[in-house]
Structures are given as C-alpha cells and as structure tokens.
Amino acid sequence: MMSDMSHDDEDESDDLLKTIEMKSVDPTAEVEALLGELDDLLKNGDVGAALAAKGINGSVALLASQGLAAYLRGKKAEAADDLQAAAEEIKDRLALSASTRGTPN
C-alpha cells in the first residue's frame, strides 16, 4: 500500500511539473486590443454624449485609459503622469460640482 501512495505522489509531481513547464500566457495582444477598443469607444461622439449625460467627461476617461495602457506596457512614469492628471481633473471637477451645488461630496 505504501508503494501505491508513493507512486501516486510521483504522478502528481509529474503533472505539476508539466503544468509549470507549459508555455506561460502572455495576454499583451489581447489587452492592447481591448484597450484600443476602449479608446475608440471613448472617442465616439455618441458614447461621449452618453457619458456626459451621466456627468462623466470622456476626455478624462480617455486619459485614464491611456494611463492604464502605459502602465500595462511597463511605461510607469508615463502612466503615473497620465493617471495623476486624470485623478486631479476628477478631483477638480468634484470640487467645482460641490461648490456650485453647495453640498459637500
């Protein structure tokens, strides 16, 4: 019985080793395509109008999307600049909105 368990352990180890040796997944192309589609959507006038109706600025969303794309490409400094600019713009818009309504956000 002991040898059966040892044999089973070896089979599991072999399976694990095969799994580890499998080619790693590189989703770069899929992510790039998806982000490209997002950018195209954000540049679409109808989408921009629908977002604006919800109080969302398409240009700011596009900047955030571009920041995410830069980060995923490993361009961290560019990503930080874009994402920081988007975040600051969102904060400024929130503050302006709160001051014109007279209610805190």
PDB file of N, CA and C in Angstrom:
ATOM      1  N   MET A   1       0.826  -1.191   0.000  1.00  0.00           N
ATOM      2  CA  MET A   1       0.000   0.000   0.000  1.00  0.00           C
ATOM      3  C   MET A   1       0.868   1.251   0.000  1.00  0.00           C
ATOM      4  N   MET A   2       1.962   1.222   0.716  1.00  0.00           N
ATOM      5  CA  MET A   2       2.862   2.351   0.787  1.00  0.00           C
ATOM      6  C   MET A   2       3.431   2.697  -0.585  1.00  0.00           C
ATOM      7  N   SER A   3       3.748   1.686  -1.372  1.00  0.00           N
ATOM      8  CA  SER A   3       4.319   1.946  -2.679  1.00  0.00           C
ATOM      9  C   SER A   3       3.285   2.576  -3.604  1.00  0.00           C
ATOM     10  N   ASP A   4       1.991   2.239  -3.431  1.00  0.00           N
ATOM     11  CA  ASP A   4       0.945   2.848  -4.232  1.00  0.00           C
ATOM     12  C   ASP A   4       0.859   4.343  -3.948  1.00  0.00           C
ATOM     13  N   MET A   5       0.935   4.714  -2.692  1.00  0.00           N
ATOM     14  CA  MET A   5       0.870   6.134  -2.333  1.00  0.00           C
ATOM     15  C   MET A   5       2.081   6.866  -2.893  1.00  0.00           C
ATOM     16  N   SER A   6       3.223   6.248  -2.828  1.00  0.00           N
ATOM     17  CA  SER A   6       4.434   6.864  -3.340  1.00  0.00           C
ATOM     18  C   SER A   6       4.331   7.045  -4.851  1.00  0.00           C
ATOM     19  N   HIS A   7       3.780   6.053  -5.518  1.00  0.00           N
ATOM     20  CA  HIS A   7       3.600   6.126  -6.960  1.00  0.00           C
ATOM     21  C   HIS A   7       2.617   7.246  -7.316  1.00  0.00           C
ATOM     22  N   ASP A   8       1.528   7.378  -6.537  1.00  0.00           N
ATOM     23  CA  ASP A   8       0.546   8.444  -6.761  1.00  0.00           C
ATOM     24  C   ASP A   8       1.181   9.820  -6.569  1.00  0.00           C
ATOM     25  N   ASP A   9       2.030   9.935  -5.547  1.00  0.00           N
ATOM     26  CA  ASP A   9       2.712  11.202  -5.294  1.00  0.00           C
ATOM     27  C   ASP A   9       3.617  11.568  -6.473  1.00  0.00           C
ATOM     28  N   GLU A  10       4.294  10.566  -7.026  1.00  0.00           N
ATOM     29  CA  GLU A  10       5.162  10.819  -8.180  1.00  0.00           C
ATOM     30  C   GLU A  10       4.343  11.276  -9.379  1.00  0.00           C
ATOM     31  N   ASP A  11       3.165  10.666  -9.587  1.00  0.00           N
ATOM     32  CA  ASP A  11       2.303  11.067 -10.695  1.00  0.00           C
ATOM     33  C   ASP A  11       1.847  12.513 -10.538  1.00  0.00           C
ATOM     34  N   GLU A  12       1.479  12.863  -9.304  1.00  0.00           N
ATOM     35  CA  GLU A  12       1.056  14.244  -9.048  1.00  0.00           C
ATOM     36  C   GLU A  12       2.213  15.208  -9.259  1.00  0.00           C
ATOM     37  N   SER A  13       3.402  14.824  -8.852  1.00  0.00           N
ATOM     38  CA  SER A  13       4.577  15.673  -9.046  1.00  0.00           C
ATOM     39  C   SER A  13       4.873  15.848 -10.527  1.00  0.00           C
ATOM     40  N   ASP A  14       4.739  14.772 -11.293  1.00  0.00           N
ATOM     41  CA  ASP A  14       4.955  14.856 -12.734  1.00  0.00           C
ATOM     42  C   ASP A  14       3.939  15.787 -13.385  1.00  0.00           C
ATOM     43  N   ASP A  15       2.672  15.673 -12.954  1.00  0.00           N
ATOM     44  CA  ASP A  15       1.631  16.538 -13.501  1.00  0.00           C
ATOM     45  C   ASP A  15       1.913  17.998 -13.175  1.00  0.00           C
ATOM     46  N   LEU A  16       2.336  18.264 -11.961  1.00  0.00           N
ATOM     47  CA  LEU A  16       2.654  19.625 -11.549  1.00  0.00           C
ATOM     48  C   LEU A  16       3.823  20.158 -12.369  1.00  0.00           C
ATOM     49  N   LEU A  17       4.836  19.342 -12.556  1.00  0.00           N
ATOM     50  CA  LEU A  17       5.999  19.755 -13.334  1.00  0.00           C
ATOM     51  C   LEU A  17       5.592  20.066 -14.772  1.00  0.00           C
ATOM     52  N   LYS A  18       4.732  19.251 -15.352  1.00  0.00           N
ATOM     53  CA  LYS A  18       4.263  19.500 -16.719  1.00  0.00           C
ATOM     54  C   LYS A  18       3.497  20.808 -16.783  1.00  0.00           C
ATOM     55  N   THR A  19       2.695  21.075 -15.770  1.00  0.00           N
ATOM     56  CA  THR A  19       1.930  22.315 -15.733  1.00  0.00           C
ATOM     57  C   THR A  19       2.862  23.517 -15.652  1.00  0.00           C
ATOM     58  N   ILE A  20       3.871  23.427 -14.832  1.00  0.00           N
ATOM     59  CA  ILE A  20       4.829  24.524 -14.667  1.00  0.00           C
ATOM     60  C   ILE A  20       5.615  24.749 -15.951  1.00  0.00           C
ATOM     61  N   GLU A  21       5.934  23.670 -16.644  1.00  0.00           N
ATOM     62  CA  GLU A  21       6.734  23.776 -17.858  1.00  0.00           C
ATOM     63  C   GLU A  21       5.931  24.270 -19.055  1.00  0.00           C
ATOM     64  N   MET A  22       4.605  24.286 -18.930  1.00  0.00           N
ATOM     65  CA  MET A  22       3.780  24.754 -20.040  1.00  0.00           C
ATOM     66  C   MET A  22       4.128  26.195 -20.362  1.00  0.00           C
ATOM     67  N   LYS A  23       3.969  26.538 -21.610  1.00  0.00           N
ATOM     68  CA  LYS A  23       4.257  27.906 -22.037  1.00  0.00           C
ATOM     69  C   LYS A  23       3.421  28.885 -21.222  1.00  0.00           C
ATOM     70  N   SER A  24       4.050  29.921 -20.722  1.00  0.00           N
ATOM     71  CA  SER A  24       3.320  30.908 -19.928  1.00  0.00           C
ATOM     72  C   SER A  24       2.410  31.731 -20.842  1.00  0.00           C
ATOM     73  N   VAL A  25       1.370  32.236 -20.266  1.00  0.00           N
ATOM     74  CA  VAL A  25       0.395  33.011 -21.005  1.00  0.00           C
ATOM     75  C   VAL A  25       0.861  34.456 -21.067  1.00  0.00           C
ATOM     76  N   ASP A  26       0.803  35.039 -22.253  1.00  0.00           N
ATOM     77  CA  ASP A  26       1.141  36.451 -22.424  1.00  0.00           C
ATOM     78  C   ASP A  26      -0.061  37.147 -23.049  1.00  0.00           C
ATOM     79  N   PRO A  27      -0.852  37.811 -22.221  1.00  0.00           N
ATOM     80  CA  PRO A  27      -2.083  38.434 -22.717  1.00  0.00           C
ATOM     81  C   PRO A  27      -1.876  39.809 -23.341  1.00  0.00           C
ATOM     82  N   THR A  28      -0.641  40.165 -23.644  1.00  0.00           N
ATOM     83  CA  THR A  28      -0.341  41.516 -24.122  1.00  0.00           C
ATOM     84  C   THR A  28      -1.197  41.914 -25.320  1.00  0.00           C
ATOM     85  N   ALA A  29      -1.263  41.056 -26.322  1.00  0.00           N
ATOM     86  CA  ALA A  29      -2.008  41.402 -27.535  1.00  0.00           C
ATOM     87  C   ALA A  29      -3.494  41.598 -27.234  1.00  0.00           C
ATOM     88  N   GLU A  30      -4.043  40.711 -26.398  1.00  0.00           N
ATOM     89  CA  GLU A  30      -5.464  40.810 -26.072  1.00  0.00           C
ATOM     90  C   GLU A  30      -5.761  42.081 -25.282  1.00  0.00           C
ATOM     91  N   VAL A  31      -4.889  42.403 -24.336  1.00  0.00           N
ATOM     92  CA  VAL A  31      -5.081  43.610 -23.523  1.00  0.00           C
ATOM     93  C   VAL A  31      -4.946  44.854 -24.396  1.00  0.00           C
ATOM     94  N   GLU A  32      -3.946  44.865 -25.276  1.00  0.00           N
ATOM     95  CA  GLU A  32      -3.766  46.005 -26.181  1.00  0.00           C
ATOM     96  C   GLU A  32      -4.997  46.193 -27.062  1.00  0.00           C
ATOM     97  N   ALA A  33      -5.537  45.092 -27.581  1.00  0.00           N
ATOM     98  CA  ALA A  33      -6.727  45.179 -28.435  1.00  0.00           C
ATOM     99  C   ALA A  33      -7.923  45.713 -27.645  1.00  0.00           C
ATOM    100  N   LEU A  34      -8.084  45.221 -26.435  1.00  0.00           N
ATOM    101  CA  LEU A  34      -9.197  45.660 -25.595  1.00  0.00           C
ATOM    102  C   LEU A  34      -9.087  47.142 -25.261  1.00  0.00           C
ATOM    103  N   LEU A  35      -7.891  47.578 -24.897  1.00  0.00           N
ATOM    104  CA  LEU A  35      -7.704  48.997 -24.571  1.00  0.00           C
ATOM    105  C   LEU A  35      -7.870  49.864 -25.812  1.00  0.00           C
ATOM    106  N   GLY A  36      -7.474  49.347 -26.970  1.00  0.00           N
ATOM    107  CA  GLY A  36      -7.697  50.075 -28.225  1.00  0.00           C
ATOM    108  C   GLY A  36      -9.178  50.252 -28.493  1.00  0.00           C
ATOM    109  N   GLU A  37      -9.959  49.198 -28.239  1.00  0.00           N
ATOM    110  CA  GLU A  37     -11.413  49.283 -28.410  1.00  0.00           C
ATOM    111  C   GLU A  37     -12.014  50.288 -27.430  1.00  0.00           C
ATOM    112  N   LEU A  38     -11.503  50.276 -26.193  1.00  0.00           N
ATOM    113  CA  LEU A  38     -11.991  51.237 -25.200  1.00  0.00           C
ATOM    114  C   LEU A  38     -11.702  52.662 -25.653  1.00  0.00           C
ATOM    115  N   ASP A  39     -10.495  52.903 -26.134  1.00  0.00           N
ATOM    116  CA  ASP A  39     -10.154  54.241 -26.627  1.00  0.00           C
ATOM    117  C   ASP A  39     -11.080  54.652 -27.766  1.00  0.00           C
ATOM    118  N   ASP A  40     -11.320  53.721 -28.697  1.00  0.00           N
ATOM    119  CA  ASP A  40     -12.223  54.024 -29.817  1.00  0.00           C
ATOM    120  C   ASP A  40     -13.619  54.380 -29.307  1.00  0.00           C
ATOM    121  N   LEU A  41     -14.103  53.630 -28.327  1.00  0.00           N
ATOM    122  CA  LEU A  41     -15.419  53.925 -27.751  1.00  0.00           C
ATOM    123  C   LEU A  41     -15.442  55.299 -27.104  1.00  0.00           C
ATOM    124  N   LEU A  42     -14.393  55.595 -26.341  1.00  0.00           N
ATOM    125  CA  LEU A  42     -14.354  56.877 -25.636  1.00  0.00           C
ATOM    126  C   LEU A  42     -14.243  58.058 -26.601  1.00  0.00           C
ATOM    127  N   LYS A  43     -13.740  57.819 -27.802  1.00  0.00           N
ATOM    128  CA  LYS A  43     -13.635  58.874 -28.818  1.00  0.00           C
ATOM    129  C   LYS A  43     -14.912  59.010 -29.647  1.00  0.00           C
ATOM    130  N   ASN A  44     -15.832  58.072 -29.508  1.00  0.00           N
ATOM    131  CA  ASN A  44     -17.085  58.080 -30.255  1.00  0.00           C
ATOM    132  C   ASN A  44     -18.006  59.163 -29.695  1.00  0.00           C
ATOM    133  N   GLY A  45     -18.552  59.978 -30.568  1.00  0.00           N
ATOM    134  CA  GLY A  45     -19.408  61.090 -30.140  1.00  0.00           C
ATOM    135  C   GLY A  45     -20.639  60.657 -29.363  1.00  0.00           C
ATOM    136  N   ASP A  46     -21.279  59.580 -29.811  1.00  0.00           N
ATOM    137  CA  ASP A  46     -22.477  59.095 -29.110  1.00  0.00           C
ATOM    138  C   ASP A  46     -22.137  58.604 -27.710  1.00  0.00           C
ATOM    139  N   VAL A  47     -21.013  57.913 -27.603  1.00  0.00           N
ATOM    140  CA  VAL A  47     -20.573  57.420 -26.290  1.00  0.00           C
ATOM    141  C   VAL A  47     -20.226  58.606 -25.399  1.00  0.00           C
ATOM    142  N   GLY A  48     -19.534  59.592 -25.969  1.00  0.00           N
ATOM    143  CA  GLY A  48     -19.184  60.787 -25.207  1.00  0.00           C
ATOM    144  C   GLY A  48     -20.418  61.503 -24.681  1.00  0.00           C
ATOM    145  N   ALA A  49     -21.449  61.581 -25.527  1.00  0.00           N
ATOM    146  CA  ALA A  49     -22.701  62.232 -25.100  1.00  0.00           C
ATOM    147  C   ALA A  49     -23.380  61.439 -23.985  1.00  0.00           C
ATOM    148  N   ALA A  50     -23.376  60.112 -24.111  1.00  0.00           N
ATOM    149  CA  ALA A  50     -23.991  59.267 -23.075  1.00  0.00           C
ATOM    150  C   ALA A  50     -23.232  59.401 -21.758  1.00  0.00           C
ATOM    151  N   LEU A  51     -21.915  59.453 -21.834  1.00  0.00           N
ATOM    152  CA  LEU A  51     -21.119  59.627 -20.617  1.00  0.00           C
ATOM    153  C   LEU A  51     -21.362  61.004 -20.011  1.00  0.00           C
ATOM    154  N   ALA A  52     -21.400  62.016 -20.861  1.00  0.00           N
ATOM    155  CA  ALA A  52     -21.625  63.380 -20.376  1.00  0.00           C
ATOM    156  C   ALA A  52     -22.969  63.497 -19.663  1.00  0.00           C
ATOM    157  N   ALA A  53     -23.963  62.779 -20.166  1.00  0.00           N
ATOM    158  CA  ALA A  53     -25.277  62.797 -19.524  1.00  0.00           C
ATOM    159  C   ALA A  53     -25.214  62.230 -18.110  1.00  0.00           C
ATOM    160  N   LYS A  54     -24.199  61.412 -17.857  1.00  0.00           N
ATOM    161  CA  LYS A  54     -24.001  60.845 -16.515  1.00  0.00           C
ATOM    162  C   LYS A  54     -22.985  61.645 -15.705  1.00  0.00           C
ATOM    163  N   GLY A  55     -22.533  62.765 -16.258  1.00  0.00           N
ATOM    164  CA  GLY A  55     -21.565  63.591 -15.558  1.00  0.00           C
ATOM    165  C   GLY A  55     -20.136  63.092 -15.678  1.00  0.00           C
ATOM    166  N   ILE A  56     -19.872  62.284 -16.697  1.00  0.00           N
ATOM    167  CA  ILE A  56     -18.534  61.724 -16.899  1.00  0.00           C
ATOM    168  C   ILE A  56     -17.915  62.386 -18.121  1.00  0.00           C
ATOM    169  N   ASN A  57     -16.719  62.923 -17.965  1.00  0.00           N
ATOM    170  CA  ASN A  57     -16.019  63.566 -19.061  1.00  0.00           C
ATOM    171  C   ASN A  57     -15.248  62.505 -19.848  1.00  0.00           C
ATOM    172  N   GLY A  58     -15.571  62.368 -21.112  1.00  0.00           N
ATOM    173  CA  GLY A  58     -14.925  61.364 -21.952  1.00  0.00           C
ATOM    174  C   GLY A  58     -13.432  61.581 -22.112  1.00  0.00           C
ATOM    175  N   SER A  59     -13.018  62.830 -22.153  1.00  0.00           N
ATOM    176  CA  SER A  59     -11.584  63.122 -22.297  1.00  0.00           C
ATOM    177  C   SER A  59     -10.795  62.668 -21.069  1.00  0.00           C
ATOM    178  N   VAL A  60     -11.375  62.861 -19.908  1.00  0.00           N
ATOM    179  CA  VAL A  60     -10.722  62.417 -18.675  1.00  0.00           C
ATOM    180  C   VAL A  60     -10.686  60.895 -18.628  1.00  0.00           C
ATOM    181  N   ALA A  61     -11.779  60.266 -19.044  1.00  0.00           N
ATOM    182  CA  ALA A  61     -11.817  58.802 -19.094  1.00  0.00           C
ATOM    183  C   ALA A  61     -10.776  58.276 -20.075  1.00  0.00           C
ATOM    184  N   LEU A  62     -10.630  58.941 -21.208  1.00  0.00           N
ATOM    185  CA  LEU A  62      -9.626  58.542 -22.207  1.00  0.00           C
ATOM    186  C   LEU A  62      -8.220  58.687 -21.640  1.00  0.00           C
ATOM    187  N   LEU A  63      -7.963  59.757 -20.919  1.00  0.00           N
ATOM    188  CA  LEU A  63      -6.656  59.958 -20.301  1.00  0.00           C
ATOM    189  C   LEU A  63      -6.362  58.847 -19.281  1.00  0.00           C
ATOM    190  N   ALA A  64      -7.356  58.484 -18.501  1.00  0.00           N
ATOM    191  CA  ALA A  64      -7.180  57.402 -17.529  1.00  0.00           C
ATOM    192  C   ALA A  64      -6.926  56.075 -18.243  1.00  0.00           C
ATOM    193  N   SER A  65      -7.634  55.840 -19.329  1.00  0.00           N
ATOM    194  CA  SER A  65      -7.437  54.623 -20.116  1.00  0.00           C
ATOM    195  C   SER A  65      -6.021  54.578 -20.688  1.00  0.00           C
ATOM    196  N   GLN A  66      -5.560  55.702 -21.176  1.00  0.00           N
ATOM    197  CA  GLN A  66      -4.197  55.766 -21.720  1.00  0.00           C
ATOM    198  C   GLN A  66      -3.156  55.565 -20.629  1.00  0.00           C
ATOM    199  N   GLY A  67      -3.456  56.056 -19.424  1.00  0.00           N
ATOM    200  CA  GLY A  67      -2.560  55.827 -18.295  1.00  0.00           C
ATOM    201  C   GLY A  67      -2.480  54.351 -17.942  1.00  0.00           C
ATOM    202  N   LEU A  68      -3.626  53.687 -17.946  1.00  0.00           N
ATOM    203  CA  LEU A  68      -3.653  52.250 -17.679  1.00  0.00           C
ATOM    204  C   LEU A  68      -2.878  51.500 -18.755  1.00  0.00           C
ATOM    205  N   ALA A  69      -3.069  51.879 -20.007  1.00  0.00           N
ATOM    206  CA  ALA A  69      -2.352  51.221 -21.108  1.00  0.00           C
ATOM    207  C   ALA A  69      -0.841  51.396 -20.943  1.00  0.00           C
ATOM    208  N   ALA A  70      -0.423  52.589 -20.591  1.00  0.00           N
ATOM    209  CA  ALA A  70       1.011  52.840 -20.388  1.00  0.00           C
ATOM    210  C   ALA A  70       1.549  51.983 -19.247  1.00  0.00           C
ATOM    211  N   TYR A  71       0.793  51.882 -18.177  1.00  0.00           N
ATOM    212  CA  TYR A  71       1.225  51.070 -17.035  1.00  0.00           C
ATOM    213  C   TYR A  71       1.380  49.603 -17.433  1.00  0.00           C
ATOM    214  N   LEU A  72       0.418  49.099 -18.182  1.00  0.00           N
ATOM    215  CA  LEU A  72       0.463  47.699 -18.593  1.00  0.00           C
ATOM    216  C   LEU A  72       1.581  47.429 -19.600  1.00  0.00           C
ATOM    217  N   ARG A  73       2.054  48.474 -20.281  1.00  0.00           N
ATOM    218  CA  ARG A  73       3.201  48.343 -21.187  1.00  0.00           C
ATOM    219  C   ARG A  73       4.527  48.485 -20.433  1.00  0.00           C
ATOM    220  N   GLY A  74       4.444  48.793 -19.156  1.00  0.00           N
ATOM    221  CA  GLY A  74       5.662  48.959 -18.364  1.00  0.00           C
ATOM    222  C   GLY A  74       6.206  50.375 -18.375  1.00  0.00           C
ATOM    223  N   LYS A  75       5.459  51.304 -18.959  1.00  0.00           N
ATOM    224  CA  LYS A  75       5.883  52.700 -19.009  1.00  0.00           C
ATOM    225  C   LYS A  75       5.326  53.406 -17.776  1.00  0.00           C
ATOM    226  N   LYS A  76       5.947  53.128 -16.652  1.00  0.00           N
ATOM    227  CA  LYS A  76       5.389  53.549 -15.367  1.00  0.00           C
ATOM    228  C   LYS A  76       5.399  55.059 -15.159  1.00  0.00           C
ATOM    229  N   ALA A  77       6.430  55.741 -15.619  1.00  0.00           N
ATOM    230  CA  ALA A  77       6.476  57.203 -15.450  1.00  0.00           C
ATOM    231  C   ALA A  77       5.361  57.860 -16.253  1.00  0.00           C
ATOM    232  N   GLU A  78       5.175  57.417 -17.496  1.00  0.00           N
ATOM    233  CA  GLU A  78       4.097  57.952 -18.327  1.00  0.00           C
ATOM    234  C   GLU A  78       2.741  57.636 -17.702  1.00  0.00           C
ATOM    235  N   ALA A  79       2.605  56.423 -17.208  1.00  0.00           N
ATOM    236  CA  ALA A  79       1.362  56.006 -16.562  1.00  0.00           C
ATOM    237  C   ALA A  79       1.071  56.875 -15.343  1.00  0.00           C
ATOM    238  N   ALA A  80       2.097  57.102 -14.545  1.00  0.00           N
ATOM    239  CA  ALA A  80       1.912  57.914 -13.337  1.00  0.00           C
ATOM    240  C   ALA A  80       1.460  59.320 -13.702  1.00  0.00           C
ATOM    241  N   ASP A  81       2.069  59.904 -14.736  1.00  0.00           N
ATOM    242  CA  ASP A  81       1.681  61.248 -15.160  1.00  0.00           C
ATOM    243  C   ASP A  81       0.230  61.285 -15.638  1.00  0.00           C
ATOM    244  N   ASP A  82      -0.126  60.333 -16.504  1.00  0.00           N
ATOM    245  CA  ASP A  82      -1.490  60.311 -17.049  1.00  0.00           C
ATOM    246  C   ASP A  82      -2.523  60.050 -15.963  1.00  0.00           C
ATOM    247  N   LEU A  83      -2.251  59.076 -15.124  1.00  0.00           N
ATOM    248  CA  LEU A  83      -3.219  58.729 -14.077  1.00  0.00           C
ATOM    249  C   LEU A  83      -3.333  59.839 -13.034  1.00  0.00           C
ATOM    250  N   GLN A  84      -2.208  60.478 -12.718  1.00  0.00           N
ATOM    251  CA  GLN A  84      -2.259  61.600 -11.776  1.00  0.00           C
ATOM    252  C   GLN A  84      -3.044  62.763 -12.370  1.00  0.00           C
ATOM    253  N   ALA A  85      -2.805  63.057 -13.646  1.00  0.00           N
ATOM    254  CA  ALA A  85      -3.539  64.142 -14.302  1.00  0.00           C
ATOM    255  C   ALA A  85      -5.040  63.832 -14.321  1.00  0.00           C
ATOM    256  N   ALA A  86      -5.391  62.581 -14.621  1.00  0.00           N
ATOM    257  CA  ALA A  86      -6.807  62.197 -14.630  1.00  0.00           C
ATOM    258  C   ALA A  86      -7.405  62.330 -13.229  1.00  0.00           C
ATOM    259  N   ALA A  87      -6.679  61.864 -12.236  1.00  0.00           N
ATOM    260  CA  ALA A  87      -7.175  61.940 -10.856  1.00  0.00           C
ATOM    261  C   ALA A  87      -7.354  63.391 -10.414  1.00  0.00           C
ATOM    262  N   GLU A  88      -6.403  64.242 -10.744  1.00  0.00           N
ATOM    263  CA  GLU A  88      -6.511  65.654 -10.370  1.00  0.00           C
ATOM    264  C   GLU A  88      -7.690  66.319 -11.074  1.00  0.00           C
ATOM    265  N   GLU A  89      -7.892  65.979 -12.338  1.00  0.00           N
ATOM    266  CA  GLU A  89      -9.017  66.551 -13.082  1.00  0.00           C
ATOM    267  C   GLU A  89     -10.349  66.110 -12.476  1.00  0.00           C
ATOM    268  N   ILE A  90     -10.420  64.857 -12.088  1.00  0.00           N
ATOM    269  CA  ILE A  90     -11.647  64.348 -11.459  1.00  0.00           C
ATOM    270  C   ILE A  90     -11.886  65.055 -10.128  1.00  0.00           C
ATOM    271  N   LYS A  91     -10.828  65.205  -9.331  1.00  0.00           N
ATOM    272  CA  LYS A  91     -10.966  65.906  -8.045  1.00  0.00           C
ATOM    273  C   LYS A  91     -11.410  67.345  -8.243  1.00  0.00           C
ATOM    274  N   ASP A  92     -10.803  68.024  -9.227  1.00  0.00           N
ATOM    275  CA  ASP A  92     -11.175  69.412  -9.506  1.00  0.00           C
ATOM    276  C   ASP A  92     -12.638  69.512  -9.919  1.00  0.00           C
ATOM    277  N   ARG A  93     -13.084  68.586 -10.747  1.00  0.00           N
ATOM    278  CA  ARG A  93     -14.478  68.595 -11.198  1.00  0.00           C
ATOM    279  C   ARG A  93     -15.428  68.307 -10.039  1.00  0.00           C
ATOM    280  N   LEU A  94     -15.031  67.405  -9.148  1.00  0.00           N
ATOM    281  CA  LEU A  94     -15.846  67.129  -7.968  1.00  0.00           C
ATOM    282  C   LEU A  94     -15.961  68.366  -7.085  1.00  0.00           C
ATOM    283  N   ALA A  95     -14.838  69.035  -6.875  1.00  0.00           N
ATOM    284  CA  ALA A  95     -14.844  70.237  -6.038  1.00  0.00           C
ATOM    285  C   ALA A  95     -15.704  71.336  -6.669  1.00  0.00           C
ATOM    286  N   LEU A  96     -15.585  71.510  -7.976  1.00  0.00           N
ATOM    287  CA  LEU A  96     -16.382  72.512  -8.666  1.00  0.00           C
ATOM    288  C   LEU A  96     -17.861  72.175  -8.575  1.00  0.00           C
ATOM    289  N   SER A  97     -18.172  70.918  -8.757  1.00  0.00           N
ATOM    290  CA  SER A  97     -19.564  70.465  -8.676  1.00  0.00           C
ATOM    291  C   SER A  97     -20.130  70.689  -7.272  1.00  0.00           C
ATOM    292  N   ALA A  98     -19.343  70.379  -6.278  1.00  0.00           N
ATOM    293  CA  ALA A  98     -19.783  70.549  -4.890  1.00  0.00           C
ATOM    294  C   ALA A  98     -19.979  72.029  -4.559  1.00  0.00           C
ATOM    295  N   SER A  99     -19.102  72.883  -5.065  1.00  0.00           N
ATOM    296  CA  SER A  99     -19.208  74.311  -4.743  1.00  0.00           C
ATOM    297  C   SER A  99     -20.398  74.950  -5.454  1.00  0.00           C
ATOM    298  N   THR A 100     -20.733  74.488  -6.628  1.00  0.00           N
ATOM    299  CA  THR A 100     -21.872  75.076  -7.351  1.00  0.00           C
ATOM    300  C   THR A 100     -23.201  74.564  -6.794  1.00  0.00           C
ATOM    301  N   ARG A 101     -23.182  73.390  -6.195  1.00  0.00           N
ATOM    302  CA  ARG A 101     -24.389  72.850  -5.590  1.00  0.00           C
ATOM    303  C   ARG A 101     -24.532  73.244  -4.124  1.00  0.00           C
ATOM    304  N   GLY A 102     -23.394  73.608  -3.533  1.00  0.00           N
ATOM    305  CA  GLY A 102     -23.406  73.965  -2.125  1.00  0.00           C
ATOM    306  C   GLY A 102     -23.477  72.772  -1.214  1.00  0.00           C
ATOM    307  N   THR A 103     -23.196  71.598  -1.762  1.00  0.00           N
ATOM    308  CA  THR A 103     -23.202  70.387  -0.940  1.00  0.00           C
ATOM    309  C   THR A 103     -21.854  69.714  -1.030  1.00  0.00           C
ATOM    310  N   PRO A 104     -21.363  69.210   0.082  1.00  0.00           N
ATOM    311  CA  PRO A 104     -20.076  68.527   0.054  1.00  0.00           C
ATOM    312  C   PRO A 104     -20.197  67.163  -0.622  1.00  0.00           C
ATOM    313  N   ASN A 105     -19.118  66.733  -1.267  1.00  0.00           N
ATOM    314  CA  ASN A 105     -19.069  65.401  -1.888  1.00  0.00           C
ATOM    315  C   ASN A 105     -18.336  64.435  -1.042  1.00  0.00           C
TER     316      ASN A 105
END
